[in-house]
Amino acid sequence: MPTGFTRSVRVHGSAWEETPLVMPQRTVYEVLGDDGFRALVDAFYQRVEQDPVLRPIFPADLSEGRERQYRFLVQYFGGPPTYNERYGEPRLRRRHFPFPINRAARDLWLSHMLATIEELAIPEPAAGLMRSYFTQFSLAMINQA
């Protein structure tokens, strides 16, 4: 994907031609790696554990949720497809339907996720891509008025 930068290249010894420079693209997974996604999920779930509104919405044992979220995020952001291999298609709205999620719960969830991204100092543009995804994704999880 061109970046807007060009370079001049000599063609056939005398003519010059402008060609776009293409910068290497990295996935968010390549930027953060497994350790970065584990840190994100662990820090996020620490926030959830302390939140008196969100904690009751989550299952008593958070370990399965942590693992699923980790595997999903790794896969979604360009890592190996271990979520699909282990759990099948994500179908996140269907999987979240048993949990009562209203706008206030969504807003709290999102605020914790965004704060976690900031806390971990995830670099741009990865942080921006993550913020955008979580903002949109979380709206789709609302299932209560």
N, C-alpha and C. Protein backbone atom coordinates (compact mmCIF):
# COMPACT_ATOMS: atom_id res chain seq x y z
N MET A 1 0.85 -1.18 0.00
CA MET A 1 0.00 0.00 0.00
C MET A 1 0.89 1.23 0.00
N PRO A 2 0.76 2.11 -0.97
CA PRO A 2 1.60 3.30 -1.03
C PRO A 2 1.38 4.21 0.17
N THR A 3 2.45 4.88 0.57
CA THR A 3 2.38 5.75 1.73
C THR A 3 2.29 7.22 1.37
N GLY A 4 2.41 7.53 0.08
CA GLY A 4 2.43 8.93 -0.32
C GLY A 4 3.84 9.41 -0.60
N PHE A 5 4.85 8.69 -0.16
CA PHE A 5 6.23 9.02 -0.44
C PHE A 5 6.60 8.45 -1.79
N THR A 6 7.49 9.12 -2.52
CA THR A 6 7.98 8.59 -3.79
C THR A 6 9.49 8.65 -3.80
N ARG A 7 10.06 7.91 -4.72
CA ARG A 7 11.49 7.98 -4.92
C ARG A 7 11.73 8.10 -6.41
N SER A 8 12.80 8.76 -6.77
CA SER A 8 13.15 8.87 -8.18
C SER A 8 14.07 7.72 -8.53
N VAL A 9 13.81 7.12 -9.68
CA VAL A 9 14.61 5.98 -10.12
C VAL A 9 15.01 6.23 -11.57
N ARG A 10 16.27 6.00 -11.87
CA ARG A 10 16.75 6.15 -13.24
C ARG A 10 16.29 4.94 -14.05
N VAL A 11 15.63 5.21 -15.15
CA VAL A 11 15.15 4.15 -16.02
C VAL A 11 15.90 4.25 -17.34
N HIS A 12 16.47 3.15 -17.81
CA HIS A 12 17.19 3.08 -19.09
C HIS A 12 18.30 4.12 -19.18
N GLY A 13 18.99 4.39 -18.09
CA GLY A 13 20.18 5.23 -18.11
C GLY A 13 19.95 6.71 -18.06
N SER A 14 18.79 7.25 -18.51
CA SER A 14 18.70 8.70 -18.53
C SER A 14 17.36 9.24 -18.02
N ALA A 15 16.28 8.57 -18.27
CA ALA A 15 14.97 9.07 -17.84
C ALA A 15 14.77 8.78 -16.35
N TRP A 16 14.01 9.67 -15.70
CA TRP A 16 13.67 9.49 -14.28
C TRP A 16 12.21 9.17 -14.16
N GLU A 17 11.89 8.31 -13.25
CA GLU A 17 10.49 7.93 -13.04
C GLU A 17 10.21 7.96 -11.55
N GLU A 18 9.06 8.50 -11.18
CA GLU A 18 8.66 8.52 -9.77
C GLU A 18 7.92 7.22 -9.46
N THR A 19 8.36 6.49 -8.46
CA THR A 19 7.67 5.27 -8.05
C THR A 19 7.31 5.38 -6.58
N PRO A 20 6.16 4.84 -6.21
CA PRO A 20 5.77 4.94 -4.79
C PRO A 20 6.67 4.06 -3.92
N LEU A 21 6.98 4.57 -2.75
CA LEU A 21 7.67 3.77 -1.75
C LEU A 21 6.62 3.03 -0.95
N VAL A 22 6.81 1.79 -0.74
CA VAL A 22 5.87 1.01 0.05
C VAL A 22 6.56 0.64 1.36
N MET A 23 5.94 1.04 2.45
CA MET A 23 6.49 0.75 3.75
C MET A 23 6.00 -0.63 4.19
N PRO A 24 6.84 -1.38 4.84
CA PRO A 24 6.39 -2.70 5.30
C PRO A 24 5.25 -2.55 6.30
N GLN A 25 4.23 -3.36 6.15
CA GLN A 25 3.08 -3.33 7.05
C GLN A 25 3.22 -4.43 8.08
N ARG A 26 2.90 -4.12 9.33
CA ARG A 26 2.95 -5.11 10.40
C ARG A 26 1.57 -5.21 11.01
N THR A 27 1.19 -6.42 11.37
CA THR A 27 -0.09 -6.59 12.06
C THR A 27 0.07 -6.15 13.51
N VAL A 28 -1.05 -5.92 14.16
CA VAL A 28 -1.03 -5.59 15.58
C VAL A 28 -0.38 -6.75 16.34
N TYR A 29 -0.68 -7.96 15.92
CA TYR A 29 -0.06 -9.13 16.57
C TYR A 29 1.46 -9.10 16.44
N GLU A 30 1.97 -8.73 15.29
CA GLU A 30 3.42 -8.64 15.12
C GLU A 30 4.03 -7.57 16.01
N VAL A 31 3.29 -6.52 16.27
CA VAL A 31 3.77 -5.44 17.15
C VAL A 31 3.77 -5.90 18.61
N LEU A 32 2.67 -6.52 19.05
CA LEU A 32 2.52 -6.87 20.47
C LEU A 32 3.05 -8.26 20.82
N GLY A 33 2.88 -9.21 19.92
CA GLY A 33 3.27 -10.59 20.19
C GLY A 33 2.38 -11.23 21.25
N ASP A 34 2.66 -12.49 21.50
CA ASP A 34 1.89 -13.23 22.51
C ASP A 34 1.95 -12.55 23.87
N ASP A 35 3.15 -12.14 24.27
CA ASP A 35 3.31 -11.53 25.59
C ASP A 35 2.50 -10.24 25.73
N GLY A 36 2.45 -9.46 24.67
CA GLY A 36 1.68 -8.22 24.72
C GLY A 36 0.19 -8.47 24.86
N PHE A 37 -0.31 -9.48 24.15
CA PHE A 37 -1.74 -9.79 24.27
C PHE A 37 -2.06 -10.42 25.62
N ARG A 38 -1.15 -11.24 26.15
CA ARG A 38 -1.37 -11.78 27.51
C ARG A 38 -1.42 -10.64 28.52
N ALA A 39 -0.50 -9.70 28.39
CA ALA A 39 -0.48 -8.55 29.31
C ALA A 39 -1.76 -7.74 29.20
N LEU A 40 -2.25 -7.53 27.97
CA LEU A 40 -3.48 -6.78 27.76
C LEU A 40 -4.65 -7.47 28.46
N VAL A 41 -4.80 -8.75 28.23
CA VAL A 41 -5.92 -9.49 28.81
C VAL A 41 -5.80 -9.55 30.33
N ASP A 42 -4.61 -9.80 30.84
CA ASP A 42 -4.43 -9.87 32.30
C ASP A 42 -4.75 -8.53 32.96
N ALA A 43 -4.24 -7.44 32.40
CA ALA A 43 -4.49 -6.12 32.98
C ALA A 43 -5.97 -5.75 32.88
N PHE A 44 -6.60 -6.09 31.76
CA PHE A 44 -8.03 -5.82 31.61
C PHE A 44 -8.83 -6.59 32.65
N TYR A 45 -8.55 -7.87 32.81
CA TYR A 45 -9.33 -8.67 33.76
C TYR A 45 -9.08 -8.25 35.20
N GLN A 46 -7.92 -7.70 35.51
CA GLN A 46 -7.70 -7.15 36.85
C GLN A 46 -8.66 -6.00 37.10
N ARG A 47 -8.88 -5.20 36.09
CA ARG A 47 -9.83 -4.09 36.22
C ARG A 47 -11.26 -4.61 36.41
N VAL A 48 -11.62 -5.63 35.62
CA VAL A 48 -12.96 -6.21 35.72
C VAL A 48 -13.19 -6.78 37.11
N GLU A 49 -12.19 -7.47 37.64
CA GLU A 49 -12.33 -8.07 38.98
C GLU A 49 -12.63 -7.04 40.05
N GLN A 50 -12.17 -5.81 39.86
CA GLN A 50 -12.36 -4.76 40.85
C GLN A 50 -13.61 -3.91 40.60
N ASP A 51 -14.29 -4.14 39.48
CA ASP A 51 -15.43 -3.30 39.12
C ASP A 51 -16.72 -3.89 39.70
N PRO A 52 -17.39 -3.17 40.60
CA PRO A 52 -18.60 -3.71 41.24
C PRO A 52 -19.79 -3.87 40.28
N VAL A 53 -19.79 -3.19 39.17
CA VAL A 53 -20.89 -3.33 38.20
C VAL A 53 -20.60 -4.47 37.22
N LEU A 54 -19.39 -4.51 36.71
CA LEU A 54 -19.06 -5.52 35.70
C LEU A 54 -18.82 -6.92 36.28
N ARG A 55 -18.21 -6.98 37.44
CA ARG A 55 -17.82 -8.29 37.97
C ARG A 55 -18.99 -9.28 38.05
N PRO A 56 -20.17 -8.87 38.50
CA PRO A 56 -21.27 -9.82 38.57
C PRO A 56 -21.76 -10.33 37.20
N ILE A 57 -21.47 -9.60 36.14
CA ILE A 57 -21.88 -10.02 34.80
C ILE A 57 -21.02 -11.18 34.31
N PHE A 58 -19.76 -11.19 34.75
CA PHE A 58 -18.82 -12.22 34.31
C PHE A 58 -19.00 -13.50 35.13
N PRO A 59 -18.62 -14.65 34.56
CA PRO A 59 -18.69 -15.91 35.31
C PRO A 59 -17.81 -15.87 36.56
N ALA A 60 -18.14 -16.69 37.55
CA ALA A 60 -17.37 -16.73 38.79
C ALA A 60 -15.89 -17.04 38.53
N ASP A 61 -15.63 -18.00 37.66
CA ASP A 61 -14.26 -18.35 37.30
C ASP A 61 -13.90 -17.60 36.02
N LEU A 62 -12.96 -16.67 36.14
CA LEU A 62 -12.58 -15.84 35.00
C LEU A 62 -11.53 -16.48 34.09
N SER A 63 -10.99 -17.61 34.48
CA SER A 63 -9.87 -18.18 33.71
C SER A 63 -10.27 -18.55 32.29
N GLU A 64 -11.43 -19.13 32.10
CA GLU A 64 -11.87 -19.50 30.74
C GLU A 64 -12.09 -18.25 29.89
N GLY A 65 -12.69 -17.23 30.46
CA GLY A 65 -12.90 -15.98 29.73
C GLY A 65 -11.59 -15.32 29.33
N ARG A 66 -10.64 -15.33 30.24
CA ARG A 66 -9.31 -14.78 29.92
C ARG A 66 -8.69 -15.50 28.73
N GLU A 67 -8.74 -16.82 28.77
CA GLU A 67 -8.13 -17.61 27.70
C GLU A 67 -8.83 -17.38 26.37
N ARG A 68 -10.15 -17.35 26.40
CA ARG A 68 -10.90 -17.12 25.16
C ARG A 68 -10.62 -15.73 24.60
N GLN A 69 -10.62 -14.73 25.48
CA GLN A 69 -10.35 -13.38 25.00
C GLN A 69 -8.95 -13.28 24.43
N TYR A 70 -7.99 -13.84 25.11
CA TYR A 70 -6.60 -13.83 24.61
C TYR A 70 -6.53 -14.46 23.22
N ARG A 71 -7.06 -15.66 23.08
CA ARG A 71 -6.99 -16.37 21.79
C ARG A 71 -7.74 -15.63 20.69
N PHE A 72 -8.89 -15.05 21.03
CA PHE A 72 -9.65 -14.31 20.03
C PHE A 72 -8.87 -13.08 19.57
N LEU A 73 -8.36 -12.31 20.52
CA LEU A 73 -7.65 -11.08 20.15
C LEU A 73 -6.40 -11.38 19.33
N VAL A 74 -5.67 -12.40 19.71
CA VAL A 74 -4.48 -12.80 18.94
C VAL A 74 -4.89 -13.09 17.50
N GLN A 75 -5.93 -13.90 17.34
CA GLN A 75 -6.39 -14.27 15.99
C GLN A 75 -6.90 -13.06 15.23
N TYR A 76 -7.74 -12.26 15.86
CA TYR A 76 -8.35 -11.11 15.19
C TYR A 76 -7.29 -10.13 14.71
N PHE A 77 -6.28 -9.92 15.52
CA PHE A 77 -5.27 -8.92 15.19
C PHE A 77 -4.06 -9.49 14.45
N GLY A 78 -4.24 -10.64 13.80
CA GLY A 78 -3.22 -11.12 12.87
C GLY A 78 -2.37 -12.28 13.30
N GLY A 79 -2.64 -12.86 14.46
CA GLY A 79 -1.86 -13.99 14.93
C GLY A 79 -2.45 -15.31 14.47
N PRO A 80 -1.95 -16.39 15.01
CA PRO A 80 -2.42 -17.71 14.60
C PRO A 80 -3.90 -17.92 14.94
N PRO A 81 -4.60 -18.76 14.15
CA PRO A 81 -6.04 -18.96 14.31
C PRO A 81 -6.40 -19.97 15.40
N THR A 82 -5.77 -19.87 16.54
CA THR A 82 -6.01 -20.86 17.59
C THR A 82 -7.40 -20.73 18.22
N TYR A 83 -8.01 -19.55 18.14
CA TYR A 83 -9.37 -19.42 18.66
C TYR A 83 -10.30 -20.33 17.87
N ASN A 84 -10.29 -20.19 16.55
CA ASN A 84 -11.15 -21.01 15.71
C ASN A 84 -10.84 -22.49 15.87
N GLU A 85 -9.57 -22.83 15.97
CA GLU A 85 -9.19 -24.24 16.11
C GLU A 85 -9.74 -24.84 17.40
N ARG A 86 -9.74 -24.06 18.46
CA ARG A 86 -10.18 -24.57 19.75
C ARG A 86 -11.68 -24.44 19.99
N TYR A 87 -12.26 -23.29 19.59
CA TYR A 87 -13.65 -22.99 19.95
C TYR A 87 -14.61 -22.91 18.77
N GLY A 88 -14.12 -22.93 17.56
CA GLY A 88 -14.98 -22.75 16.40
C GLY A 88 -15.12 -21.28 16.04
N GLU A 89 -16.05 -20.99 15.17
CA GLU A 89 -16.29 -19.61 14.74
C GLU A 89 -16.57 -18.72 15.96
N PRO A 90 -16.05 -17.48 15.95
CA PRO A 90 -16.26 -16.62 17.12
C PRO A 90 -17.72 -16.34 17.46
N ARG A 91 -18.52 -15.90 16.52
CA ARG A 91 -19.93 -15.59 16.78
C ARG A 91 -20.10 -14.90 18.14
N LEU A 92 -19.40 -13.80 18.27
CA LEU A 92 -19.29 -13.14 19.57
C LEU A 92 -20.63 -12.66 20.13
N ARG A 93 -21.48 -12.13 19.29
CA ARG A 93 -22.77 -11.65 19.82
C ARG A 93 -23.55 -12.83 20.42
N ARG A 94 -23.59 -13.94 19.73
CA ARG A 94 -24.31 -15.12 20.24
C ARG A 94 -23.66 -15.61 21.52
N ARG A 95 -22.35 -15.63 21.58
CA ARG A 95 -21.65 -16.13 22.77
C ARG A 95 -21.85 -15.21 23.98
N HIS A 96 -22.08 -13.92 23.73
CA HIS A 96 -22.28 -12.97 24.82
C HIS A 96 -23.75 -12.80 25.21
N PHE A 97 -24.65 -13.38 24.44
CA PHE A 97 -26.07 -13.16 24.70
C PHE A 97 -26.53 -13.59 26.08
N PRO A 98 -25.99 -14.66 26.67
CA PRO A 98 -26.44 -15.04 28.02
C PRO A 98 -26.11 -14.01 29.11
N PHE A 99 -25.22 -13.08 28.81
CA PHE A 99 -24.80 -12.10 29.81
C PHE A 99 -25.55 -10.80 29.57
N PRO A 100 -26.19 -10.24 30.61
CA PRO A 100 -26.95 -8.99 30.43
C PRO A 100 -26.01 -7.80 30.23
N ILE A 101 -26.00 -7.29 29.00
CA ILE A 101 -25.10 -6.18 28.67
C ILE A 101 -25.95 -5.01 28.19
N ASN A 102 -26.01 -3.97 29.03
CA ASN A 102 -26.71 -2.74 28.63
C ASN A 102 -25.67 -1.69 28.26
N ARG A 103 -26.13 -0.51 27.91
CA ARG A 103 -25.21 0.55 27.46
C ARG A 103 -24.22 0.93 28.57
N ALA A 104 -24.68 0.98 29.80
CA ALA A 104 -23.79 1.35 30.91
C ALA A 104 -22.69 0.29 31.10
N ALA A 105 -23.07 -0.99 31.02
CA ALA A 105 -22.07 -2.06 31.15
C ALA A 105 -21.08 -2.01 29.99
N ARG A 106 -21.59 -1.77 28.80
CA ARG A 106 -20.70 -1.64 27.63
C ARG A 106 -19.74 -0.49 27.83
N ASP A 107 -20.24 0.65 28.29
CA ASP A 107 -19.38 1.82 28.47
C ASP A 107 -18.30 1.55 29.51
N LEU A 108 -18.66 0.85 30.60
CA LEU A 108 -17.65 0.48 31.61
C LEU A 108 -16.62 -0.48 31.03
N TRP A 109 -17.09 -1.50 30.32
CA TRP A 109 -16.19 -2.46 29.68
C TRP A 109 -15.20 -1.74 28.78
N LEU A 110 -15.74 -0.86 27.92
CA LEU A 110 -14.90 -0.13 26.99
C LEU A 110 -13.91 0.78 27.73
N SER A 111 -14.36 1.46 28.77
CA SER A 111 -13.45 2.35 29.50
C SER A 111 -12.30 1.57 30.11
N HIS A 112 -12.58 0.36 30.61
CA HIS A 112 -11.50 -0.47 31.16
C HIS A 112 -10.54 -0.92 30.05
N MET A 113 -11.08 -1.30 28.91
CA MET A 113 -10.21 -1.75 27.82
C MET A 113 -9.35 -0.60 27.31
N LEU A 114 -9.94 0.56 27.12
CA LEU A 114 -9.17 1.71 26.64
C LEU A 114 -8.12 2.13 27.65
N ALA A 115 -8.46 2.09 28.93
CA ALA A 115 -7.48 2.43 29.98
C ALA A 115 -6.34 1.42 29.99
N THR A 116 -6.66 0.16 29.72
CA THR A 116 -5.63 -0.87 29.69
C THR A 116 -4.66 -0.63 28.53
N ILE A 117 -5.19 -0.25 27.38
CA ILE A 117 -4.33 0.06 26.23
C ILE A 117 -3.39 1.20 26.59
N GLU A 118 -3.91 2.22 27.26
CA GLU A 118 -3.06 3.35 27.68
C GLU A 118 -2.05 2.93 28.73
N GLU A 119 -2.49 2.17 29.72
CA GLU A 119 -1.62 1.71 30.80
C GLU A 119 -0.42 0.93 30.25
N LEU A 120 -0.66 0.11 29.25
CA LEU A 120 0.41 -0.70 28.68
C LEU A 120 1.24 0.06 27.65
N ALA A 121 0.85 1.29 27.36
CA ALA A 121 1.56 2.13 26.40
C ALA A 121 1.74 1.42 25.06
N ILE A 122 0.65 0.85 24.57
CA ILE A 122 0.69 0.20 23.26
C ILE A 122 0.95 1.28 22.22
N PRO A 123 1.91 1.05 21.35
CA PRO A 123 2.30 2.10 20.40
C PRO A 123 1.28 2.29 19.29
N GLU A 124 1.30 3.48 18.73
CA GLU A 124 0.49 3.77 17.53
C GLU A 124 1.24 3.20 16.33
N PRO A 125 0.56 2.81 15.29
CA PRO A 125 -0.88 2.88 15.08
C PRO A 125 -1.65 1.70 15.68
N ALA A 126 -0.95 0.75 16.29
CA ALA A 126 -1.63 -0.42 16.86
C ALA A 126 -2.68 -0.01 17.87
N ALA A 127 -2.36 0.92 18.76
CA ALA A 127 -3.32 1.36 19.79
C ALA A 127 -4.57 1.94 19.15
N GLY A 128 -4.41 2.74 18.12
CA GLY A 128 -5.56 3.34 17.44
C GLY A 128 -6.45 2.29 16.78
N LEU A 129 -5.83 1.30 16.17
CA LEU A 129 -6.61 0.22 15.56
C LEU A 129 -7.38 -0.55 16.62
N MET A 130 -6.75 -0.78 17.75
CA MET A 130 -7.42 -1.50 18.83
C MET A 130 -8.55 -0.68 19.42
N ARG A 131 -8.31 0.61 19.67
CA ARG A 131 -9.37 1.47 20.21
C ARG A 131 -10.58 1.48 19.28
N SER A 132 -10.33 1.61 18.00
CA SER A 132 -11.41 1.64 17.02
C SER A 132 -12.19 0.33 17.02
N TYR A 133 -11.48 -0.78 17.00
CA TYR A 133 -12.15 -2.08 17.01
C TYR A 133 -12.99 -2.26 18.27
N PHE A 134 -12.41 -2.01 19.44
CA PHE A 134 -13.14 -2.23 20.69
C PHE A 134 -14.35 -1.31 20.81
N THR A 135 -14.25 -0.09 20.31
CA THR A 135 -15.38 0.83 20.36
C THR A 135 -16.54 0.28 19.54
N GLN A 136 -16.26 -0.17 18.33
CA GLN A 136 -17.32 -0.70 17.46
C GLN A 136 -17.83 -2.05 17.94
N PHE A 137 -16.92 -2.95 18.26
CA PHE A 137 -17.29 -4.29 18.70
C PHE A 137 -18.19 -4.24 19.94
N SER A 138 -17.83 -3.41 20.90
CA SER A 138 -18.57 -3.37 22.15
C SER A 138 -20.02 -2.90 21.96
N LEU A 139 -20.25 -2.06 20.97
CA LEU A 139 -21.62 -1.65 20.70
C LEU A 139 -22.48 -2.84 20.26
N ALA A 140 -21.88 -3.74 19.50
CA ALA A 140 -22.64 -4.90 19.01
C ALA A 140 -22.97 -5.89 20.12
N MET A 141 -22.33 -5.79 21.27
CA MET A 141 -22.58 -6.73 22.36
C MET A 141 -23.75 -6.33 23.25
N ILE A 142 -24.23 -5.10 23.09
CA ILE A 142 -25.37 -4.64 23.90
C ILE A 142 -26.59 -5.50 23.55
N ASN A 143 -27.20 -6.10 24.60
CA ASN A 143 -28.36 -6.95 24.36
C ASN A 143 -29.52 -6.66 25.33
N GLN A 144 -29.42 -5.57 26.07
CA GLN A 144 -30.46 -5.16 27.00
C GLN A 144 -30.67 -3.65 26.87
N ALA A 145 -31.90 -3.23 27.08
CA ALA A 145 -32.22 -1.79 27.01
C ALA A 145 -31.60 -1.06 28.18
